[in-house]
């Protein structure tokens, strides 16, 4: 039986931390502040892309690692 506190491997949390850091566009130079991509500011496009990647990664992690144990009646 798996330890319920250790469901995900440590690298999963590292990827979440990286994606969360990318979702806050602090890393963009100030000169690119108002550069537009398809009518949207670059900082917004990068934040949306990071959040989309985080959602895709979350879906994959849940599918791959989140296994529920089959419930068996105690009287069986």
C-alpha atoms as a PDB file:
ATOM      1  CA  UNK A   1       0.000   0.000   0.000  1.00  0.00           C
ATOM      2  CA  UNK A   2       1.315   3.424  -0.956  1.00  0.00           C
ATOM      3  CA  UNK A   3       1.907   6.138   1.574  1.00  0.00           C
ATOM      4  CA  UNK A   4      -1.023   8.583   1.074  1.00  0.00           C
ATOM      5  CA  UNK A   5       1.223  11.571   1.817  1.00  0.00           C
ATOM      6  CA  UNK A   6       3.642  10.612  -0.964  1.00  0.00           C
ATOM      7  CA  UNK A   7       1.356  10.175  -3.973  1.00  0.00           C
ATOM      8  CA  UNK A   8       3.476  12.069  -6.500  1.00  0.00           C
ATOM      9  CA  UNK A   9       7.218  11.836  -7.131  1.00  0.00           C
ATOM     10  CA  UNK A  10       9.302  14.901  -6.188  1.00  0.00           C
ATOM     11  CA  UNK A  11       9.983  15.860  -9.821  1.00  0.00           C
ATOM     12  CA  UNK A  12       6.258  16.515 -10.304  1.00  0.00           C
ATOM     13  CA  UNK A  13       6.428  19.284  -7.704  1.00  0.00           C
ATOM     14  CA  UNK A  14       9.541  20.693  -9.392  1.00  0.00           C
ATOM     15  CA  UNK A  15       7.694  20.905 -12.724  1.00  0.00           C
ATOM     16  CA  UNK A  16       4.727  22.599 -11.025  1.00  0.00           C
ATOM     17  CA  UNK A  17       7.090  25.128  -9.447  1.00  0.00           C
ATOM     18  CA  UNK A  18       8.717  25.850 -12.813  1.00  0.00           C
ATOM     19  CA  UNK A  19       5.377  26.245 -14.600  1.00  0.00           C
ATOM     20  CA  UNK A  20       4.067  28.474 -11.830  1.00  0.00           C
ATOM     21  CA  UNK A  21       7.181  30.653 -12.087  1.00  0.00           C
ATOM     22  CA  UNK A  22       6.686  30.907 -15.859  1.00  0.00           C
ATOM     23  CA  UNK A  23       3.054  31.933 -15.416  1.00  0.00           C
ATOM     24  CA  UNK A  24       4.210  35.146 -13.728  1.00  0.00           C
ATOM     25  CA  UNK A  25       6.021  37.069 -16.479  1.00  0.00           C
ATOM     26  CA  UNK A  26       8.603  38.701 -14.225  1.00  0.00           C
ATOM     27  CA  UNK A  27      11.383  37.384 -16.469  1.00  0.00           C
ATOM     28  CA  UNK A  28      10.413  39.515 -19.494  1.00  0.00           C
ATOM     29  CA  UNK A  29      12.513  42.638 -20.124  1.00  0.00           C
ATOM     30  CA  UNK A  30      10.743  45.959 -19.587  1.00  0.00           C
ATOM     31  CA  UNK A  31      11.192  46.837 -23.287  1.00  0.00           C
ATOM     32  CA  UNK A  32       8.838  44.031 -24.307  1.00  0.00           C
ATOM     33  CA  UNK A  33       6.082  45.228 -22.009  1.00  0.00           C
ATOM     34  CA  UNK A  34       3.784  46.467 -24.764  1.00  0.00           C
ATOM     35  CA  UNK A  35       4.821  44.164 -27.601  1.00  0.00           C
ATOM     36  CA  UNK A  36       1.648  42.666 -29.032  1.00  0.00           C
ATOM     37  CA  UNK A  37       1.085  39.092 -30.177  1.00  0.00           C
ATOM     38  CA  UNK A  38      -2.214  38.626 -32.035  1.00  0.00           C
ATOM     39  CA  UNK A  39      -3.484  41.797 -30.382  1.00  0.00           C
ATOM     40  CA  UNK A  40      -2.575  40.735 -26.837  1.00  0.00           C
ATOM     41  CA  UNK A  41       0.399  41.883 -24.753  1.00  0.00           C
ATOM     42  CA  UNK A  42       3.309  39.441 -24.788  1.00  0.00           C
ATOM     43  CA  UNK A  43       3.204  39.094 -21.003  1.00  0.00           C
ATOM     44  CA  UNK A  44      -0.418  37.943 -21.203  1.00  0.00           C
ATOM     45  CA  UNK A  45       0.283  35.433 -23.976  1.00  0.00           C
ATOM     46  CA  UNK A  46       3.198  33.948 -22.002  1.00  0.00           C
ATOM     47  CA  UNK A  47       1.075  33.726 -18.835  1.00  0.00           C
ATOM     48  CA  UNK A  48      -1.796  32.032 -20.689  1.00  0.00           C
ATOM     49  CA  UNK A  49       0.617  29.586 -22.348  1.00  0.00           C
ATOM     50  CA  UNK A  50       2.176  28.651 -18.987  1.00  0.00           C
ATOM     51  CA  UNK A  51      -1.244  28.180 -17.387  1.00  0.00           C
ATOM     52  CA  UNK A  52      -2.352  26.018 -20.334  1.00  0.00           C
ATOM     53  CA  UNK A  53       0.796  23.890 -19.945  1.00  0.00           C
ATOM     54  CA  UNK A  54       0.096  23.595 -16.217  1.00  0.00           C
ATOM     55  CA  UNK A  55      -3.437  22.365 -16.937  1.00  0.00           C
ATOM     56  CA  UNK A  56      -2.156  19.804 -19.465  1.00  0.00           C
ATOM     57  CA  UNK A  57       0.531  18.636 -17.043  1.00  0.00           C
ATOM     58  CA  UNK A  58      -2.028  18.351 -14.232  1.00  0.00           C
ATOM     59  CA  UNK A  59      -4.255  16.224 -16.442  1.00  0.00           C
ATOM     60  CA  UNK A  60      -1.356  13.930 -17.322  1.00  0.00           C
ATOM     61  CA  UNK A  61      -0.230  13.646 -13.665  1.00  0.00           C
ATOM     62  CA  UNK A  62      -3.731  12.763 -12.492  1.00  0.00           C
ATOM     63  CA  UNK A  63      -4.111  10.174 -15.258  1.00  0.00           C
ATOM     64  CA  UNK A  64      -0.675   8.654 -14.620  1.00  0.00           C
ATOM     65  CA  UNK A  65      -0.237   8.763 -10.817  1.00  0.00           C
ATOM     66  CA  UNK A  66      -3.593   9.240  -9.126  1.00  0.00           C
ATOM     67  CA  UNK A  67      -4.790   5.657  -8.769  1.00  0.00           C
ATOM     68  CA  UNK A  68      -7.710   4.986  -6.457  1.00  0.00           C
ATOM     69  CA  UNK A  69      -7.792   1.625  -4.785  1.00  0.00           C
ATOM     70  CA  UNK A  70     -10.796  -0.543  -5.556  1.00  0.00           C
ATOM     71  CA  UNK A  71     -13.251  -0.481  -2.722  1.00  0.00           C
ATOM     72  CA  UNK A  72     -14.000  -3.976  -1.486  1.00  0.00           C
ATOM     73  CA  UNK A  73     -16.802  -4.492   1.042  1.00  0.00           C
ATOM     74  CA  UNK A  74     -15.512  -5.534   4.459  1.00  0.00           C
ATOM     75  CA  UNK A  75     -17.985  -8.435   4.636  1.00  0.00           C
ATOM     76  CA  UNK A  76     -16.430 -10.104   1.635  1.00  0.00           C
END
